């Protein structure tokens, strides 16, 4: 390995107002842990001993993938890497906490279903041994036990024989011994295979261990159907949660591993049913049994359209798509509005969504006008009176009634009754999900449309018979369908136009 001075870490001036506010998306020399207020106090005191994160990775010859690198630079308090087996989840988690462990006075846990499942602990031991060989380390390993059968797995680093510099340590915990998940304050915790753990482990035990030290939690896990982990993973894809530095999630597939070739993927696909393959190989949470759209896959149909250059910074298409709105009315249930672009090849692109309940019509129109940057007329007391459409949208298709049409017309929105046949609409959407000859599907969804993506994975038929038995004309359960209804209105209503 190339020799790098890992003690040459950055020494920024302490500025509490910046704590928890910066969010680099590329791995930089400065460790993002400088910006966690409680941990920052210790880093400020022991800054010269805190390793530079990027240099540490270089020294260990660790080259994270694009998604892992993004999470390494995340400042969210909770970070979720949901992925298929062999997707590099455990290595990501271990490397992410290593700079904290190598900072004096820090404390961390690795919590797993069983002691022998804590691979991250083995990775830590391997990395510490490699670092010691460089002769550059200021610490010594003062305690190291690795006995999974006895539940004795603890490692402690010491910097000074007189204890003037506080030790740091990591301990492995098993959820099979819940009483052990009490009492200690933590700077970090790795929750191994969280999808297999009860919700109470996180909410009743681990979460409160992090509060006093403003610690961070990492969740490397393969998804496993509907549970609290799938909810957390879903929340981490919300721009609002990421912006507030609460939780950030990314998905990795086993195919992201360079040693996983097409032959291995083909073998796995042959040996697994589709839902198991999606979870265990692609790392995509599934909601088992009777999915209406089993052909939908985040790997195939979801993309960050701004990153791809398909929409601008405000979220509006940069190309020559013909744009339609689909509008599903609700009040107690959500109102869903989708903006859908169609290109000259007849491909559909869902590039924006509005999804909210307990709002009156004027509030939804206000959100529409704000997104499309339309001119508006207001009453004397400031209420929205009318929007002035600028021919950005070809037509709005709604689950129409004369009352809705009249109300929208009063606000300046032209709408028409959508084609609403459920069976035909499901069939039309399924056709768009098929990958065409150019290896691209007929429907793509922006990764920011989190409610539509959630419904794709949860819209079901009443029973759990195999998917091959489900006729599109069979009626699905009437839930998790508001954004999908809006999509169906656009797809079915424009089908003949596109042809």
Protein backbone atom coordinates (compact mmCIF):
# COMPACT_ATOMS: atom_id res chain seq x y z
CA UNK A 1 0.00 0.00 0.00
CA UNK A 2 1.12 3.53 -0.71
CA UNK A 3 2.40 5.40 2.35
CA UNK A 4 0.19 8.32 3.32
CA UNK A 5 0.44 10.47 6.43
CA UNK A 6 -2.91 9.75 8.04
CA UNK A 7 -2.26 12.30 10.78
CA UNK A 8 -2.38 15.19 8.33
CA UNK A 9 -6.08 15.66 8.85
CA UNK A 10 -7.78 19.04 8.35
CA UNK A 11 -7.96 21.47 11.24
CA UNK A 12 -10.82 23.86 10.47
CA UNK A 13 -11.69 26.56 12.96
CA UNK A 14 -14.51 25.59 15.29
CA UNK A 15 -17.73 27.22 14.16
CA UNK A 16 -20.81 25.79 15.85
CA UNK A 17 -23.14 27.62 13.46
CA UNK A 18 -21.86 25.42 10.63
CA UNK A 19 -22.37 22.20 12.52
CA UNK A 20 -24.80 19.85 10.82
CA UNK A 21 -25.39 22.16 7.86
CA UNK A 22 -22.86 21.22 5.19
CA UNK A 23 -23.43 18.30 2.88
CA UNK A 24 -20.67 17.42 0.39
CA UNK A 25 -21.71 14.86 -2.19
CA UNK A 26 -18.21 13.99 -3.27
CA UNK A 27 -15.72 12.39 -0.95
CA UNK A 28 -13.45 15.17 0.22
CA UNK A 29 -10.35 15.38 2.34
CA UNK A 30 -12.30 16.80 5.28
CA UNK A 31 -14.23 14.19 7.19
CA UNK A 32 -17.91 15.11 7.39
CA UNK A 33 -17.84 14.17 11.07
CA UNK A 34 -16.40 17.62 11.77
CA UNK A 35 -19.94 18.93 11.41
CA UNK A 36 -21.71 16.89 14.08
CA UNK A 37 -21.89 19.23 17.09
CA UNK A 38 -21.37 16.75 19.95
CA UNK A 39 -18.70 14.73 18.17
CA UNK A 40 -17.16 17.95 16.93
CA UNK A 41 -16.19 18.91 20.48
CA UNK A 42 -14.03 15.79 20.74
CA UNK A 43 -12.65 16.26 17.25
CA UNK A 44 -11.76 19.83 18.13
CA UNK A 45 -9.90 18.68 21.24
CA UNK A 46 -8.16 15.79 19.51
CA UNK A 47 -8.14 17.19 15.96
CA UNK A 48 -4.47 16.39 15.26
CA UNK A 49 -5.23 12.73 16.01
CA UNK A 50 -8.38 12.54 13.88
CA UNK A 51 -7.53 10.88 10.54
CA UNK A 52 -8.28 12.47 7.22
CA UNK A 53 -11.04 10.29 5.80
CA UNK A 54 -10.02 10.38 2.14
CA UNK A 55 -6.35 9.76 2.94
CA UNK A 56 -7.30 6.92 5.24
CA UNK A 57 -9.26 5.27 2.43
CA UNK A 58 -6.30 5.76 0.11
CA UNK A 59 -3.92 4.21 2.61
CA UNK A 60 -6.19 1.17 2.94
CA UNK A 61 -6.54 0.94 -0.84
CA UNK A 62 -10.30 1.27 -0.47
CA UNK A 63 -12.11 2.51 -3.56
CA UNK A 64 -15.81 2.92 -2.80
CA UNK A 65 -18.38 2.71 -5.55
CA UNK A 66 -20.28 5.82 -6.57
CA UNK A 67 -23.20 5.16 -4.23
CA UNK A 68 -21.01 4.18 -1.30
CA UNK A 69 -18.92 7.32 -1.83
CA UNK A 70 -22.02 9.47 -1.73
CA UNK A 71 -23.05 8.00 1.62
CA UNK A 72 -19.49 8.35 2.92
CA UNK A 73 -19.92 12.10 2.36
CA UNK A 74 -23.45 12.25 3.77
CA UNK A 75 -24.15 14.32 6.86
CA UNK A 76 -27.46 12.62 7.65
CA UNK A 77 -27.67 11.26 11.19
CA UNK A 78 -28.98 7.94 9.82
CA UNK A 79 -27.60 6.43 6.61
CA UNK A 80 -29.15 3.44 4.91
CA UNK A 81 -27.47 1.27 2.30
CA UNK A 82 -30.13 -1.17 1.16
CA UNK A 83 -28.70 -3.72 -1.19
CA UNK A 84 -28.43 -7.21 -2.51
CA UNK A 85 -26.04 -9.78 -1.15
CA UNK A 86 -22.38 -9.09 -1.98
CA UNK A 87 -23.21 -5.45 -2.69
CA UNK A 88 -20.48 -4.02 -0.43
CA UNK A 89 -22.81 -2.96 2.39
CA UNK A 90 -20.75 -4.25 5.33
CA UNK A 91 -17.49 -2.86 3.97
CA UNK A 92 -19.13 0.54 3.45
CA UNK A 93 -20.39 0.63 7.04
CA UNK A 94 -17.06 -0.40 8.54
CA UNK A 95 -15.08 2.11 6.50
CA UNK A 96 -17.54 4.87 7.38
CA UNK A 97 -17.11 4.47 11.16
CA UNK A 98 -13.37 3.78 11.08
CA UNK A 99 -12.38 7.50 11.21
CA UNK A 100 -14.58 7.91 14.30
CA UNK A 101 -13.08 4.87 16.01
CA UNK A 102 -9.63 6.32 15.30
CA UNK A 103 -10.60 9.49 17.18
CA UNK A 104 -9.92 9.49 20.96
CA UNK A 105 -12.85 9.27 23.34
CA UNK A 106 -15.37 7.80 20.89
CA UNK A 107 -17.65 4.84 21.58
CA UNK A 108 -19.50 2.59 19.15
CA UNK A 109 -21.52 -0.59 18.82
CA UNK A 110 -22.02 -3.10 16.05
CA UNK A 111 -25.46 -4.63 16.62
CA UNK A 112 -26.35 -7.81 14.74
CA UNK A 113 -28.96 -10.58 14.96
CA UNK A 114 -26.15 -12.90 16.14
CA UNK A 115 -22.57 -12.21 17.21
CA UNK A 116 -21.14 -14.21 14.31
CA UNK A 117 -22.95 -11.99 11.78
CA UNK A 118 -20.93 -8.88 12.65
CA UNK A 119 -18.59 -8.96 9.64
CA UNK A 120 -17.86 -5.29 10.19
CA UNK A 121 -15.92 -6.17 13.35
CA UNK A 122 -13.63 -8.49 11.37
CA UNK A 123 -13.08 -5.74 8.80
CA UNK A 124 -12.10 -3.31 11.58
CA UNK A 125 -9.52 -5.74 12.93
CA UNK A 126 -8.10 -6.28 9.45
CA UNK A 127 -7.82 -2.54 8.80
CA UNK A 128 -6.21 -1.81 12.16
CA UNK A 129 -3.61 -4.50 11.51
CA UNK A 130 -2.87 -2.95 8.11
CA UNK A 131 -2.54 0.52 9.62
CA UNK A 132 -0.17 -0.70 12.34
CA UNK A 133 2.18 -2.05 9.68
CA UNK A 134 2.67 1.48 8.35
CA UNK A 135 4.33 2.52 11.60
CA UNK A 136 2.44 5.83 11.48
CA UNK A 137 -0.26 5.21 14.06
CA UNK A 138 -0.35 7.10 17.38
CA UNK A 139 -2.47 4.48 19.14
CA UNK A 140 -2.10 0.93 20.37
CA UNK A 141 -4.67 -1.84 20.64
CA UNK A 142 -5.06 -2.17 24.40
CA UNK A 143 -7.85 -4.75 24.25
CA UNK A 144 -9.00 -7.10 21.51
CA UNK A 145 -11.37 -10.04 21.94
CA UNK A 146 -13.19 -11.92 19.19
CA UNK A 147 -15.19 -14.80 20.62
CA UNK A 148 -18.65 -14.91 19.02
CA UNK A 149 -19.63 -18.11 20.82
CA UNK A 150 -19.09 -16.47 24.21
CA UNK A 151 -20.49 -13.11 23.12
CA UNK A 152 -17.16 -11.45 23.87
CA UNK A 153 -16.19 -9.14 21.01
CA UNK A 154 -14.60 -5.85 22.02
CA UNK A 155 -11.75 -3.72 20.76
CA UNK A 156 -10.17 -0.76 22.53
CA UNK A 157 -7.61 1.77 21.31
CA UNK A 158 -5.35 3.71 23.68
CA UNK A 159 -3.31 6.81 22.89
CA UNK A 160 -1.42 7.47 26.13
CA UNK A 161 -0.29 5.19 28.97
CA UNK A 162 -1.43 7.65 31.63
CA UNK A 163 -4.96 7.95 30.24
CA UNK A 164 -4.58 11.67 29.56
CA UNK A 165 -6.01 11.03 26.10
CA UNK A 166 -9.25 9.03 26.44
CA UNK A 167 -9.55 5.61 24.84
CA UNK A 168 -11.95 4.77 22.04
CA UNK A 169 -13.71 1.45 21.71
CA UNK A 170 -16.14 -0.71 19.73
CA UNK A 171 -18.28 -3.53 21.10
CA UNK A 172 -20.38 -6.09 19.28
CA UNK A 173 -23.90 -6.66 20.58
CA UNK A 174 -26.48 -9.29 19.72
CA UNK A 175 -30.21 -8.59 19.81
CA UNK A 176 -30.59 -12.04 21.35
CA UNK A 177 -29.33 -10.42 24.56
CA UNK A 178 -31.56 -7.35 24.71
CA UNK A 179 -30.44 -6.36 28.22
CA UNK A 180 -27.00 -5.66 26.79
CA UNK A 181 -28.49 -2.90 24.61
CA UNK A 182 -28.79 -0.52 27.54
CA UNK A 183 -26.91 2.11 29.53
CA UNK A 184 -24.04 3.23 27.28
CA UNK A 185 -23.81 6.47 25.32
CA UNK A 186 -22.67 6.08 21.72
CA UNK A 187 -21.06 8.14 18.99
CA UNK A 188 -21.99 5.58 16.36
CA UNK A 189 -23.82 2.33 15.81
CA UNK A 190 -23.92 -0.08 12.89
CA UNK A 191 -27.24 -1.95 12.74
CA UNK A 192 -26.44 -5.13 10.82
CA UNK A 193 -29.24 -6.62 8.67
CA UNK A 194 -31.78 -4.25 10.19
CA UNK A 195 -34.57 -5.72 8.06
CA UNK A 196 -34.37 -8.87 10.20
CA UNK A 197 -34.52 -7.05 13.53
CA UNK A 198 -37.64 -6.02 15.47
CA UNK A 199 -38.61 -2.35 15.33
CA UNK A 200 -38.21 -2.06 19.09
CA UNK A 201 -34.45 -2.75 18.85
CA UNK A 202 -33.98 0.55 17.03
CA UNK A 203 -36.70 2.66 18.61
CA UNK A 204 -36.55 1.46 22.24
CA UNK A 205 -32.85 0.67 22.60
CA UNK A 206 -30.43 2.01 20.02
CA UNK A 207 -31.93 5.38 19.11
CA UNK A 208 -31.69 6.75 22.64
CA UNK A 209 -28.08 5.58 23.00
CA UNK A 210 -27.14 8.14 20.33
CA UNK A 211 -28.97 11.19 21.62
CA UNK A 212 -26.57 12.66 24.20
CA UNK A 213 -23.56 12.39 21.88
CA UNK A 214 -25.47 13.31 18.74
CA UNK A 215 -24.28 10.03 17.28
CA UNK A 216 -24.76 8.53 13.83
CA UNK A 217 -26.45 5.27 12.81
CA UNK A 218 -25.59 3.16 9.78
CA UNK A 219 -27.94 0.53 8.37
CA UNK A 220 -26.32 -1.93 5.94
CA UNK A 221 -29.07 -4.41 5.13
CA UNK A 222 -30.70 -6.53 2.48
CA UNK A 223 -34.42 -5.64 2.33
CA UNK A 224 -37.02 -8.13 3.46
CA UNK A 225 -40.57 -7.16 2.56
CA UNK A 226 -42.71 -4.69 4.51
CA UNK A 227 -41.23 -3.68 7.85
CA UNK A 228 -39.77 -0.73 9.74
CA UNK A 229 -36.54 -0.95 7.74
CA UNK A 230 -38.39 -0.55 4.44
CA UNK A 231 -40.13 2.50 5.94
CA UNK A 232 -36.78 3.96 7.01
CA UNK A 233 -35.24 3.24 3.61
CA UNK A 234 -38.18 4.88 1.90
CA UNK A 235 -37.96 7.94 4.15
CA UNK A 236 -34.28 8.29 3.31
CA UNK A 237 -35.16 8.78 -0.35
CA UNK A 238 -37.26 11.82 0.54
CA UNK A 239 -35.54 15.09 -0.46
CA UNK A 240 -36.95 16.68 2.70
CA UNK A 241 -35.41 14.06 5.01
CA UNK A 242 -32.06 14.38 3.24
CA UNK A 243 -32.20 18.17 3.33
CA UNK A 244 -32.83 18.16 7.08
CA UNK A 245 -29.96 15.67 7.53
CA UNK A 246 -32.26 13.17 9.23
CA UNK A 247 -31.78 10.10 7.04
CA UNK A 248 -30.36 9.37 3.60
CA UNK A 249 -30.83 6.11 1.71
CA UNK A 250 -29.34 4.54 -1.37
CA UNK A 251 -29.83 1.16 -3.00
CA UNK A 252 -27.05 -1.03 -4.36
CA UNK A 253 -27.35 -4.15 -6.45
CA UNK A 254 -25.16 -7.22 -6.39
CA UNK A 255 -24.34 -6.40 -10.00
CA UNK A 256 -22.52 -3.29 -8.70
CA UNK A 257 -19.90 -5.73 -7.42
CA UNK A 258 -17.31 -6.08 -10.23
CA UNK A 259 -16.83 -9.79 -9.54
CA UNK A 260 -20.54 -10.46 -10.10
CA UNK A 261 -20.73 -11.17 -13.82
CA UNK A 262 -23.68 -11.87 -16.06
CA UNK A 263 -23.26 -15.62 -15.59
CA UNK A 264 -23.68 -15.34 -11.82
CA UNK A 265 -26.65 -13.02 -12.27
CA UNK A 266 -28.29 -15.42 -14.69
CA UNK A 267 -27.79 -18.32 -12.30
CA UNK A 268 -29.31 -16.35 -9.41
CA UNK A 269 -32.29 -15.34 -11.53
CA UNK A 270 -32.91 -18.95 -12.54
CA UNK A 271 -32.76 -20.21 -8.95
CA UNK A 272 -34.92 -17.52 -7.29
CA UNK A 273 -38.49 -16.38 -7.70
CA UNK A 274 -38.81 -12.81 -8.95
CA UNK A 275 -39.47 -11.15 -5.60
CA UNK A 276 -36.59 -12.96 -3.89
CA UNK A 277 -34.29 -12.00 -6.76
CA UNK A 278 -35.29 -8.36 -6.47
CA UNK A 279 -34.50 -8.31 -2.76
CA UNK A 280 -31.48 -10.60 -2.53
CA UNK A 281 -29.77 -9.59 -5.77
CA UNK A 282 -31.04 -6.15 -6.74
CA UNK A 283 -31.57 -4.88 -3.19
CA UNK A 284 -35.07 -3.58 -3.95
CA UNK A 285 -37.67 -3.85 -1.18
CA UNK A 286 -40.70 -5.85 -2.29
CA UNK A 287 -44.11 -6.15 -0.74
CA UNK A 288 -44.84 -9.77 -1.26
CA UNK A 289 -47.93 -11.25 -2.78
CA UNK A 290 -50.22 -10.13 -5.59
CA UNK A 291 -48.44 -7.03 -6.87
CA UNK A 292 -50.34 -5.31 -9.67
CA UNK A 293 -47.11 -4.17 -11.34
CA UNK A 294 -44.54 -6.93 -10.68
CA UNK A 295 -42.60 -5.80 -13.74
CA UNK A 296 -41.69 -2.47 -12.16
CA UNK A 297 -38.09 -2.29 -10.97
CA UNK A 298 -36.16 0.63 -9.50
CA UNK A 299 -33.10 -0.62 -11.35
CA UNK A 300 -34.89 -0.36 -14.71
CA UNK A 301 -37.53 2.34 -14.34
CA UNK A 302 -36.18 4.92 -11.86
CA UNK A 303 -33.64 7.63 -12.59
CA UNK A 304 -32.55 10.99 -11.21
CA UNK A 305 -33.77 13.06 -14.16
CA UNK A 306 -31.95 16.23 -13.12
CA UNK A 307 -28.67 14.33 -12.89
CA UNK A 308 -29.38 12.78 -16.30
CA UNK A 309 -30.01 16.25 -17.76
CA UNK A 310 -33.62 15.50 -18.65
CA UNK A 311 -35.02 18.22 -16.37
CA UNK A 312 -33.52 21.51 -15.19
CA UNK A 313 -32.82 22.60 -11.62
CA UNK A 314 -36.48 23.61 -11.19
CA UNK A 315 -37.58 20.17 -12.34
CA UNK A 316 -38.99 21.16 -15.75
CA UNK A 317 -38.11 19.14 -18.89
CA UNK A 318 -35.16 20.37 -20.91
CA UNK A 319 -36.21 18.52 -24.08
CA UNK A 320 -39.24 18.53 -26.35
CA UNK A 321 -41.59 16.31 -24.35
CA UNK A 322 -45.32 16.90 -24.63
CA UNK A 323 -46.45 17.37 -21.04
CA UNK A 324 -49.69 16.20 -19.46
CA UNK A 325 -51.04 16.28 -15.94
CA UNK A 326 -52.87 13.42 -14.26
CA UNK A 327 -55.05 14.49 -11.31
CA UNK A 328 -56.67 12.18 -8.77
CA UNK A 329 -58.85 14.13 -6.34
CA UNK A 330 -58.97 13.46 -2.62
CA UNK A 331 -59.26 15.13 0.74
CA UNK A 332 -59.02 12.57 3.55
CA UNK A 333 -57.21 10.40 1.04
CA UNK A 334 -54.41 12.23 -0.76
CA UNK A 335 -54.84 14.30 -3.87
CA UNK A 336 -52.21 13.20 -6.37
CA UNK A 337 -51.06 15.25 -9.36
CA UNK A 338 -48.45 13.83 -11.73
CA UNK A 339 -46.59 15.67 -14.47
CA UNK A 340 -45.87 13.28 -17.33
CA UNK A 341 -43.78 14.00 -20.42
CA UNK A 342 -44.09 11.96 -23.61
CA UNK A 343 -41.29 11.97 -26.18
CA UNK A 344 -41.46 11.40 -29.92
CA UNK A 345 -40.86 7.66 -29.44
CA UNK A 346 -43.94 7.32 -27.26
CA UNK A 347 -42.01 6.92 -24.02
CA UNK A 348 -43.51 8.29 -20.82
CA UNK A 349 -41.49 10.21 -18.21
CA UNK A 350 -43.04 11.01 -14.81
CA UNK A 351 -40.89 13.95 -13.75
CA UNK A 352 -42.81 15.55 -10.86
CA UNK A 353 -45.53 14.77 -8.33
CA UNK A 354 -47.72 16.65 -5.88
CA UNK A 355 -49.19 14.43 -3.17
CA UNK A 356 -51.05 15.82 -0.15
CA UNK A 357 -54.22 15.31 1.84
CA UNK A 358 -56.53 17.60 3.83
CA UNK A 359 -55.94 20.51 1.49
CA UNK A 360 -58.62 22.47 -0.36
CA UNK A 361 -58.49 22.77 -4.13
CA UNK A 362 -56.97 26.25 -4.08
CA UNK A 363 -53.97 24.96 -2.14
CA UNK A 364 -53.32 22.25 -4.71
CA UNK A 365 -53.58 24.80 -7.52
CA UNK A 366 -51.17 27.03 -5.59
CA UNK A 367 -48.64 24.17 -5.48
CA UNK A 368 -49.16 23.57 -9.20
CA UNK A 369 -48.59 27.24 -10.05
CA UNK A 370 -45.51 27.37 -7.85
CA UNK A 371 -43.92 24.37 -9.56
CA UNK A 372 -44.73 25.55 -13.08
CA UNK A 373 -43.84 29.16 -12.19
CA UNK A 374 -47.14 30.44 -13.55
CA UNK A 375 -48.39 33.98 -13.19
CA UNK A 376 -51.30 34.24 -10.76
CA UNK A 377 -54.02 36.71 -9.87
CA UNK A 378 -54.89 37.15 -6.21
CA UNK A 379 -57.80 38.64 -4.31
CA UNK A 380 -57.41 41.72 -2.14
CA UNK A 381 -56.72 39.55 0.90
CA UNK A 382 -54.03 37.58 -0.94
CA UNK A 383 -55.95 34.40 -1.75
CA UNK A 384 -55.32 32.71 -5.08
CA UNK A 385 -57.96 33.71 -7.60
CA UNK A 386 -56.67 32.49 -10.96
CA UNK A 387 -53.57 31.05 -12.60
CA UNK A 388 -52.52 32.00 -16.10
CA UNK A 389 -51.43 28.88 -17.94
CA UNK A 390 -48.60 29.36 -20.43
CA UNK A 391 -49.20 26.37 -22.70
CA UNK A 392 -46.62 24.37 -20.78
CA UNK A 393 -49.13 21.56 -20.35
CA UNK A 394 -51.14 20.01 -23.17
CA UNK A 395 -54.04 18.76 -21.01
CA UNK A 396 -55.02 17.80 -17.47
CA UNK A 397 -56.79 14.44 -17.12
CA UNK A 398 -58.82 13.97 -13.94
CA UNK A 399 -61.18 11.54 -12.22
CA UNK A 400 -63.61 14.04 -13.50
CA UNK A 401 -66.95 15.35 -12.30
CA UNK A 402 -68.79 18.47 -13.50
CA UNK A 403 -68.13 20.07 -10.11
CA UNK A 404 -64.39 19.42 -10.31
CA UNK A 405 -64.21 20.68 -13.88
CA UNK A 406 -66.04 23.88 -12.92
CA UNK A 407 -63.83 24.47 -9.87
CA UNK A 408 -60.64 23.96 -11.88
CA UNK A 409 -61.96 26.20 -14.65
CA UNK A 410 -62.61 28.94 -12.09
CA UNK A 411 -58.91 28.78 -11.23
CA UNK A 412 -57.94 28.91 -14.90
CA UNK A 413 -57.08 25.20 -15.27
CA UNK A 414 -58.49 23.42 -18.31
CA UNK A 415 -59.26 19.76 -17.65
CA UNK A 416 -61.04 16.86 -19.25
CA UNK A 417 -62.44 13.56 -18.11
CA UNK A 418 -59.86 10.80 -18.12
CA UNK A 419 -60.31 7.32 -19.55
CA UNK A 420 -60.77 5.47 -16.26
CA UNK A 421 -61.22 1.78 -17.05
CA UNK A 422 -59.07 0.13 -14.38
CA UNK A 423 -58.32 -3.09 -16.25
CA UNK A 424 -57.40 -1.37 -19.50
CA UNK A 425 -55.33 1.20 -17.61
CA UNK A 426 -53.35 -1.47 -15.75
CA UNK A 427 -52.76 -3.29 -19.02
CA UNK A 428 -51.54 -0.07 -20.68
CA UNK A 429 -49.13 0.75 -17.84
CA UNK A 430 -47.80 -2.83 -17.83
CA UNK A 431 -47.06 -2.53 -21.54
CA UNK A 432 -44.99 0.58 -20.88
CA UNK A 433 -42.93 -1.22 -18.24
CA UNK A 434 -41.62 -3.67 -20.83
CA UNK A 435 -38.03 -3.08 -21.95
CA UNK A 436 -37.92 -2.37 -25.69
CA UNK A 437 -35.44 -3.39 -28.34
CA UNK A 438 -33.08 -0.54 -27.46
CA UNK A 439 -32.90 -1.89 -23.87
CA UNK A 440 -34.96 0.99 -22.49
CA UNK A 441 -38.47 0.73 -21.01
CA UNK A 442 -41.50 2.70 -22.15
CA UNK A 443 -41.92 4.36 -18.74
CA UNK A 444 -39.39 6.12 -16.51
CA UNK A 445 -40.01 7.74 -13.12
CA UNK A 446 -37.91 10.44 -11.48
CA UNK A 447 -36.37 9.27 -8.21
CA UNK A 448 -37.91 12.27 -6.41
CA UNK A 449 -41.46 10.97 -7.05
CA UNK A 450 -41.33 8.98 -3.83
CA UNK A 451 -45.08 8.52 -3.37
CA UNK A 452 -45.55 7.07 -6.84
CA UNK A 453 -42.58 4.75 -6.28
CA UNK A 454 -44.02 3.65 -2.96
CA UNK A 455 -47.35 2.80 -4.58
CA UNK A 456 -45.69 0.80 -7.36
CA UNK A 457 -44.26 -1.50 -4.68
CA UNK A 458 -47.48 -1.73 -2.62
CA UNK A 459 -50.42 -1.74 -5.02
CA UNK A 460 -51.86 -5.27 -4.69
CA UNK A 461 -54.66 -7.62 -5.50
CA UNK A 462 -56.82 -8.91 -2.63
CA UNK A 463 -55.29 -12.39 -2.37
CA UNK A 464 -51.81 -13.86 -2.40
CA UNK A 465 -52.14 -16.08 -5.42
CA UNK A 466 -49.20 -16.13 -7.79
CA UNK A 467 -48.78 -13.12 -10.01
CA UNK A 468 -49.18 -15.18 -13.15
CA UNK A 469 -52.83 -15.76 -12.18
CA UNK A 470 -53.74 -12.10 -12.05
CA UNK A 471 -55.79 -10.77 -14.92
CA UNK A 472 -55.57 -6.98 -15.38
CA UNK A 473 -59.37 -6.83 -15.28
CA UNK A 474 -59.38 -8.16 -11.72
CA UNK A 475 -59.93 -5.32 -9.26
CA UNK A 476 -56.94 -4.49 -7.02
CA UNK A 477 -57.32 -3.43 -3.40
CA UNK A 478 -58.46 0.18 -3.20
CA UNK A 479 -55.41 1.54 -1.40
CA UNK A 480 -51.89 2.64 -2.30
CA UNK A 481 -53.30 3.77 -5.63
CA UNK A 482 -53.73 7.56 -5.69
CA UNK A 483 -50.61 8.47 -7.69
CA UNK A 484 -51.00 5.31 -9.76
CA UNK A 485 -54.56 6.33 -10.62
CA UNK A 486 -53.25 9.70 -11.84
CA UNK A 487 -50.65 7.89 -13.94
CA UNK A 488 -53.26 5.52 -15.32
CA UNK A 489 -55.45 8.48 -16.36
CA UNK A 490 -52.63 9.96 -18.45
CA UNK A 491 -51.45 6.69 -19.97
CA UNK A 492 -54.87 5.43 -21.00
CA UNK A 493 -56.15 8.84 -22.13
CA UNK A 494 -53.13 9.50 -24.36
CA UNK A 495 -52.76 5.98 -25.73
CA UNK A 496 -54.45 6.72 -29.03
CA UNK A 497 -52.73 10.12 -29.33
CA UNK A 498 -49.30 8.52 -28.96
CA UNK A 499 -50.10 5.87 -31.54
